[in-house]
Amino acid sequence: MNVELIVVGKTDMKEVEALVAMYSKRLNHYVRFAITTIADIRNTKKLSEAEQRRLEGEAILRLINESDHVMLLDEHGVELRSIEFADMMQRRMSAGTRRLVFVIGGPYGFSEAVYGRANSKLSLSKMTFSHQIVRAIFAEQLYRAFTILKNEPYHHE
């Protein structure tokens, strides 16, 4: 299975970038993992939030194939414990999912078109995190899920 994380806008936080790079490298020991960054929309001050979501959504949808299983990282998604998330990853692999795509939207969330294409939504917390910090948190949780599945000593219950 290939796992891809699509993110809107690049991070300007070197610490976050370093964490994401570290977990990406670790993840590639278990699964083909890639991160695709969509360029920030230009001149956003002239755009409404809805217009910005629409433009970001169009860019996201261009990167998604019809056969992909798409999970949005969204505050209204289901919350899972790390072990439950690992179980969900195992179910996706067992189901023969070829490409599992997770998406972190921009500061205003997702367009209706992206919500319409998504197979599910996942929330990392009831708290709100910046879309930059979420990259590192999610990469760590994805790595944790694979260590759980391999019964490695990283996760402690």
C-alpha atoms as a PDB file:
ATOM      1  CA  MET A   1       0.000   0.000   0.000  1.00  0.00           C
ATOM      2  CA  ASN A   2       1.125   3.538  -0.738  1.00  0.00           C
ATOM      3  CA  VAL A   3       0.321   6.232   1.796  1.00  0.00           C
ATOM      4  CA  GLU A   4       0.323   9.858   0.773  1.00  0.00           C
ATOM      5  CA  LEU A   5      -0.167  12.975   2.836  1.00  0.00           C
ATOM      6  CA  ILE A   6      -1.378  15.977   0.862  1.00  0.00           C
ATOM      7  CA  VAL A   7      -0.896  19.324   2.605  1.00  0.00           C
ATOM      8  CA  VAL A   8      -1.845  22.844   1.610  1.00  0.00           C
ATOM      9  CA  GLY A   9       1.016  25.330   1.814  1.00  0.00           C
ATOM     10  CA  LYS A  10       4.582  24.750   2.860  1.00  0.00           C
ATOM     11  CA  THR A  11       5.679  25.167   6.423  1.00  0.00           C
ATOM     12  CA  ASP A  12       7.936  28.016   7.443  1.00  0.00           C
ATOM     13  CA  MET A  13       8.794  26.285  10.726  1.00  0.00           C
ATOM     14  CA  LYS A  14      12.127  24.455  10.392  1.00  0.00           C
ATOM     15  CA  GLU A  15      11.438  22.435  13.562  1.00  0.00           C
ATOM     16  CA  VAL A  16       8.191  21.080  12.153  1.00  0.00           C
ATOM     17  CA  GLU A  17       9.859  20.362   8.836  1.00  0.00           C
ATOM     18  CA  ALA A  18      12.612  18.401  10.629  1.00  0.00           C
ATOM     19  CA  LEU A  19      10.105  16.323  12.616  1.00  0.00           C
ATOM     20  CA  VAL A  20       8.070  15.517   9.523  1.00  0.00           C
ATOM     21  CA  ALA A  21      11.237  14.531   7.644  1.00  0.00           C
ATOM     22  CA  MET A  22      12.341  12.266  10.510  1.00  0.00           C
ATOM     23  CA  TYR A  23       8.996  10.440  10.718  1.00  0.00           C
ATOM     24  CA  SER A  24       8.762  10.231   6.924  1.00  0.00           C
ATOM     25  CA  LYS A  25      12.111   8.471   6.813  1.00  0.00           C
ATOM     26  CA  ARG A  26      11.028   6.089   9.565  1.00  0.00           C
ATOM     27  CA  LEU A  27       7.696   5.401   7.861  1.00  0.00           C
ATOM     28  CA  ASN A  28       9.363   4.357   4.641  1.00  0.00           C
ATOM     29  CA  HIS A  29      10.680   1.275   6.472  1.00  0.00           C
ATOM     30  CA  TYR A  30       7.070   0.040   6.675  1.00  0.00           C
ATOM     31  CA  VAL A  31       5.220   1.511   3.720  1.00  0.00           C
ATOM     32  CA  ARG A  32       5.792   3.751   0.711  1.00  0.00           C
ATOM     33  CA  PHE A  33       5.071   7.155   2.205  1.00  0.00           C
ATOM     34  CA  ALA A  34       5.093  10.476   0.390  1.00  0.00           C
ATOM     35  CA  ILE A  35       4.103  14.029   1.183  1.00  0.00           C
ATOM     36  CA  THR A  36       2.780  16.311  -1.523  1.00  0.00           C
ATOM     37  CA  THR A  37       2.624  20.017  -0.808  1.00  0.00           C
ATOM     38  CA  ILE A  38       0.187  22.211  -2.684  1.00  0.00           C
ATOM     39  CA  ALA A  39       1.459  25.740  -3.182  1.00  0.00           C
ATOM     40  CA  ASP A  40      -0.235  28.459  -1.182  1.00  0.00           C
ATOM     41  CA  ILE A  41      -2.943  30.334  -3.050  1.00  0.00           C
ATOM     42  CA  ARG A  42      -1.668  33.784  -4.028  1.00  0.00           C
ATOM     43  CA  ASN A  43      -3.388  37.076  -3.207  1.00  0.00           C
ATOM     44  CA  THR A  44      -5.641  35.530  -0.558  1.00  0.00           C
ATOM     45  CA  LYS A  45      -6.464  38.963   0.889  1.00  0.00           C
ATOM     46  CA  LYS A  46      -8.559  39.559  -2.236  1.00  0.00           C
ATOM     47  CA  LEU A  47     -10.401  36.241  -1.850  1.00  0.00           C
ATOM     48  CA  SER A  48     -13.241  35.208   0.401  1.00  0.00           C
ATOM     49  CA  GLU A  49     -12.721  32.182   2.652  1.00  0.00           C
ATOM     50  CA  ALA A  50     -15.097  30.202   0.413  1.00  0.00           C
ATOM     51  CA  GLU A  51     -13.152  31.151  -2.722  1.00  0.00           C
ATOM     52  CA  GLN A  52      -9.863  30.199  -1.067  1.00  0.00           C
ATOM     53  CA  ARG A  53     -11.333  26.813  -0.035  1.00  0.00           C
ATOM     54  CA  ARG A  54     -12.612  26.289  -3.589  1.00  0.00           C
ATOM     55  CA  LEU A  55      -9.226  26.991  -5.178  1.00  0.00           C
ATOM     56  CA  GLU A  56      -7.393  24.804  -2.654  1.00  0.00           C
ATOM     57  CA  GLY A  57     -10.014  22.108  -3.207  1.00  0.00           C
ATOM     58  CA  GLU A  58      -9.473  22.116  -6.956  1.00  0.00           C
ATOM     59  CA  ALA A  59      -5.732  21.669  -6.397  1.00  0.00           C
ATOM     60  CA  ILE A  60      -6.344  18.816  -3.931  1.00  0.00           C
ATOM     61  CA  LEU A  61      -8.754  17.015  -6.238  1.00  0.00           C
ATOM     62  CA  ARG A  62      -6.265  17.163  -9.125  1.00  0.00           C
ATOM     63  CA  LEU A  63      -3.919  14.994  -7.019  1.00  0.00           C
ATOM     64  CA  ILE A  64      -6.483  12.335  -6.123  1.00  0.00           C
ATOM     65  CA  ASN A  65      -7.196   9.308  -8.292  1.00  0.00           C
ATOM     66  CA  GLU A  66     -10.621   7.707  -8.596  1.00  0.00           C
ATOM     67  CA  SER A  67      -9.391   4.506  -6.905  1.00  0.00           C
ATOM     68  CA  ASP A  68      -7.776   6.278  -3.916  1.00  0.00           C
ATOM     69  CA  HIS A  69      -9.188   5.950  -0.424  1.00  0.00           C
ATOM     70  CA  VAL A  70      -9.255   9.532   0.889  1.00  0.00           C
ATOM     71  CA  MET A  71      -9.295  10.501   4.566  1.00  0.00           C
ATOM     72  CA  LEU A  72      -9.531  14.158   5.515  1.00  0.00           C
ATOM     73  CA  LEU A  73      -7.882  15.333   8.698  1.00  0.00           C
ATOM     74  CA  ASP A  74     -10.825  17.359   9.921  1.00  0.00           C
ATOM     75  CA  GLU A  75     -11.985  18.623  13.304  1.00  0.00           C
ATOM     76  CA  HIS A  76     -15.404  17.025  12.706  1.00  0.00           C
ATOM     77  CA  GLY A  77     -13.955  13.591  11.967  1.00  0.00           C
ATOM     78  CA  VAL A  78     -13.941  10.496  14.109  1.00  0.00           C
ATOM     79  CA  GLU A  79     -11.443  10.428  16.979  1.00  0.00           C
ATOM     80  CA  LEU A  80      -9.424   7.241  17.375  1.00  0.00           C
ATOM     81  CA  ARG A  81      -6.968   6.072  19.980  1.00  0.00           C
ATOM     82  CA  SER A  82      -3.570   5.141  18.537  1.00  0.00           C
ATOM     83  CA  ILE A  83      -4.369   1.420  18.689  1.00  0.00           C
ATOM     84  CA  GLU A  84      -7.687   2.010  16.929  1.00  0.00           C
ATOM     85  CA  PHE A  85      -5.907   4.024  14.256  1.00  0.00           C
ATOM     86  CA  ALA A  86      -3.424   1.154  13.791  1.00  0.00           C
ATOM     87  CA  ASP A  87      -6.368  -1.252  13.431  1.00  0.00           C
ATOM     88  CA  MET A  88      -7.906   1.041  10.817  1.00  0.00           C
ATOM     89  CA  MET A  89      -4.611   1.059   8.898  1.00  0.00           C
ATOM     90  CA  GLN A  90      -4.524  -2.754   9.047  1.00  0.00           C
ATOM     91  CA  ARG A  91      -8.091  -2.940   7.720  1.00  0.00           C
ATOM     92  CA  ARG A  92      -7.173  -0.640   4.809  1.00  0.00           C
ATOM     93  CA  MET A  93      -4.160  -2.833   3.961  1.00  0.00           C
ATOM     94  CA  SER A  94      -6.218  -6.035   4.285  1.00  0.00           C
ATOM     95  CA  ALA A  95      -8.925  -4.542   2.071  1.00  0.00           C
ATOM     96  CA  GLY A  96      -6.350  -4.169  -0.695  1.00  0.00           C
ATOM     97  CA  THR A  97      -6.240  -0.375  -0.652  1.00  0.00           C
ATOM     98  CA  ARG A  98      -3.516   0.531  -3.120  1.00  0.00           C
ATOM     99  CA  ARG A  99      -3.243   4.206  -2.247  1.00  0.00           C
ATOM    100  CA  LEU A 100      -4.431   5.728   0.999  1.00  0.00           C
ATOM    101  CA  VAL A 101      -4.466   9.511   0.866  1.00  0.00           C
ATOM    102  CA  PHE A 102      -4.680  11.711   3.951  1.00  0.00           C
ATOM    103  CA  VAL A 103      -5.317  15.417   3.421  1.00  0.00           C
ATOM    104  CA  ILE A 104      -4.563  18.398   5.641  1.00  0.00           C
ATOM    105  CA  GLY A 105      -6.424  21.428   4.361  1.00  0.00           C
ATOM    106  CA  GLY A 106      -5.602  25.088   4.551  1.00  0.00           C
ATOM    107  CA  PRO A 107      -6.525  27.467   7.357  1.00  0.00           C
ATOM    108  CA  TYR A 108     -10.225  27.530   6.389  1.00  0.00           C
ATOM    109  CA  GLY A 109     -10.710  23.813   5.916  1.00  0.00           C
ATOM    110  CA  PHE A 110     -12.021  22.017   2.850  1.00  0.00           C
ATOM    111  CA  SER A 111     -14.334  22.863  -0.014  1.00  0.00           C
ATOM    112  CA  GLU A 112     -17.623  21.016  -0.400  1.00  0.00           C
ATOM    113  CA  ALA A 113     -16.159  19.232  -3.437  1.00  0.00           C
ATOM    114  CA  VAL A 114     -13.342  17.797  -1.318  1.00  0.00           C
ATOM    115  CA  TYR A 115     -15.778  16.755   1.411  1.00  0.00           C
ATOM    116  CA  GLY A 116     -17.867  15.097  -1.296  1.00  0.00           C
ATOM    117  CA  ARG A 117     -14.892  13.096  -2.590  1.00  0.00           C
ATOM    118  CA  ALA A 118     -13.620  11.985   0.825  1.00  0.00           C
ATOM    119  CA  ASN A 119     -14.253   8.453   2.032  1.00  0.00           C
ATOM    120  CA  SER A 120     -13.941   9.471   5.681  1.00  0.00           C
ATOM    121  CA  LYS A 121     -12.792  12.130   8.111  1.00  0.00           C
ATOM    122  CA  LEU A 122     -10.348  11.733  10.979  1.00  0.00           C
ATOM    123  CA  SER A 123      -9.870  14.135  13.884  1.00  0.00           C
ATOM    124  CA  LEU A 124      -6.601  14.113  15.791  1.00  0.00           C
ATOM    125  CA  SER A 125      -8.113  15.947  18.757  1.00  0.00           C
ATOM    126  CA  LYS A 126     -10.996  18.079  19.903  1.00  0.00           C
ATOM    127  CA  MET A 127      -8.424  20.857  20.148  1.00  0.00           C
ATOM    128  CA  THR A 128      -7.479  22.976  17.151  1.00  0.00           C
ATOM    129  CA  PHE A 129      -3.898  22.833  15.878  1.00  0.00           C
ATOM    130  CA  SER A 130      -2.248  24.917  13.191  1.00  0.00           C
ATOM    131  CA  HIS A 131      -2.212  23.162   9.837  1.00  0.00           C
ATOM    132  CA  GLN A 132       1.596  23.215  10.090  1.00  0.00           C
ATOM    133  CA  ILE A 133       1.827  21.493  13.495  1.00  0.00           C
ATOM    134  CA  VAL A 134      -0.725  18.874  12.433  1.00  0.00           C
ATOM    135  CA  ARG A 135       1.794  17.593   9.864  1.00  0.00           C
ATOM    136  CA  ALA A 136       4.237  16.541  12.587  1.00  0.00           C
ATOM    137  CA  ILE A 137       1.534  15.180  14.900  1.00  0.00           C
ATOM    138  CA  PHE A 138       0.001  13.118  12.118  1.00  0.00           C
ATOM    139  CA  ALA A 139       3.342  11.804  10.809  1.00  0.00           C
ATOM    140  CA  GLU A 140       4.189  10.646  14.341  1.00  0.00           C
ATOM    141  CA  GLN A 141       0.810   8.934  14.758  1.00  0.00           C
ATOM    142  CA  LEU A 142       1.160   7.188  11.423  1.00  0.00           C
ATOM    143  CA  TYR A 143       4.610   5.959  12.435  1.00  0.00           C
ATOM    144  CA  ARG A 144       3.213   4.871  15.807  1.00  0.00           C
ATOM    145  CA  ALA A 145       0.463   2.894  14.048  1.00  0.00           C
ATOM    146  CA  PHE A 146       2.988   0.863  12.080  1.00  0.00           C
ATOM    147  CA  THR A 147       5.108   0.174  15.157  1.00  0.00           C
ATOM    148  CA  ILE A 148       1.947  -1.079  16.890  1.00  0.00           C
ATOM    149  CA  LEU A 149       1.155  -3.349  13.953  1.00  0.00           C
ATOM    150  CA  LYS A 150       4.710  -4.741  14.026  1.00  0.00           C
ATOM    151  CA  ASN A 151       4.632  -5.190  17.833  1.00  0.00           C
ATOM    152  CA  GLU A 152       7.647  -2.948  18.219  1.00  0.00           C
ATOM    153  CA  PRO A 153       8.371  -1.313  21.592  1.00  0.00           C
ATOM    154  CA  TYR A 154       7.659   2.300  20.563  1.00  0.00           C
ATOM    155  CA  HIS A 155       4.057   2.416  21.842  1.00  0.00           C
ATOM    156  CA  HIS A 156       3.209   1.709  25.481  1.00  0.00           C
ATOM    157  CA  GLU A 157      -0.295   0.950  26.728  1.00  0.00           C
END
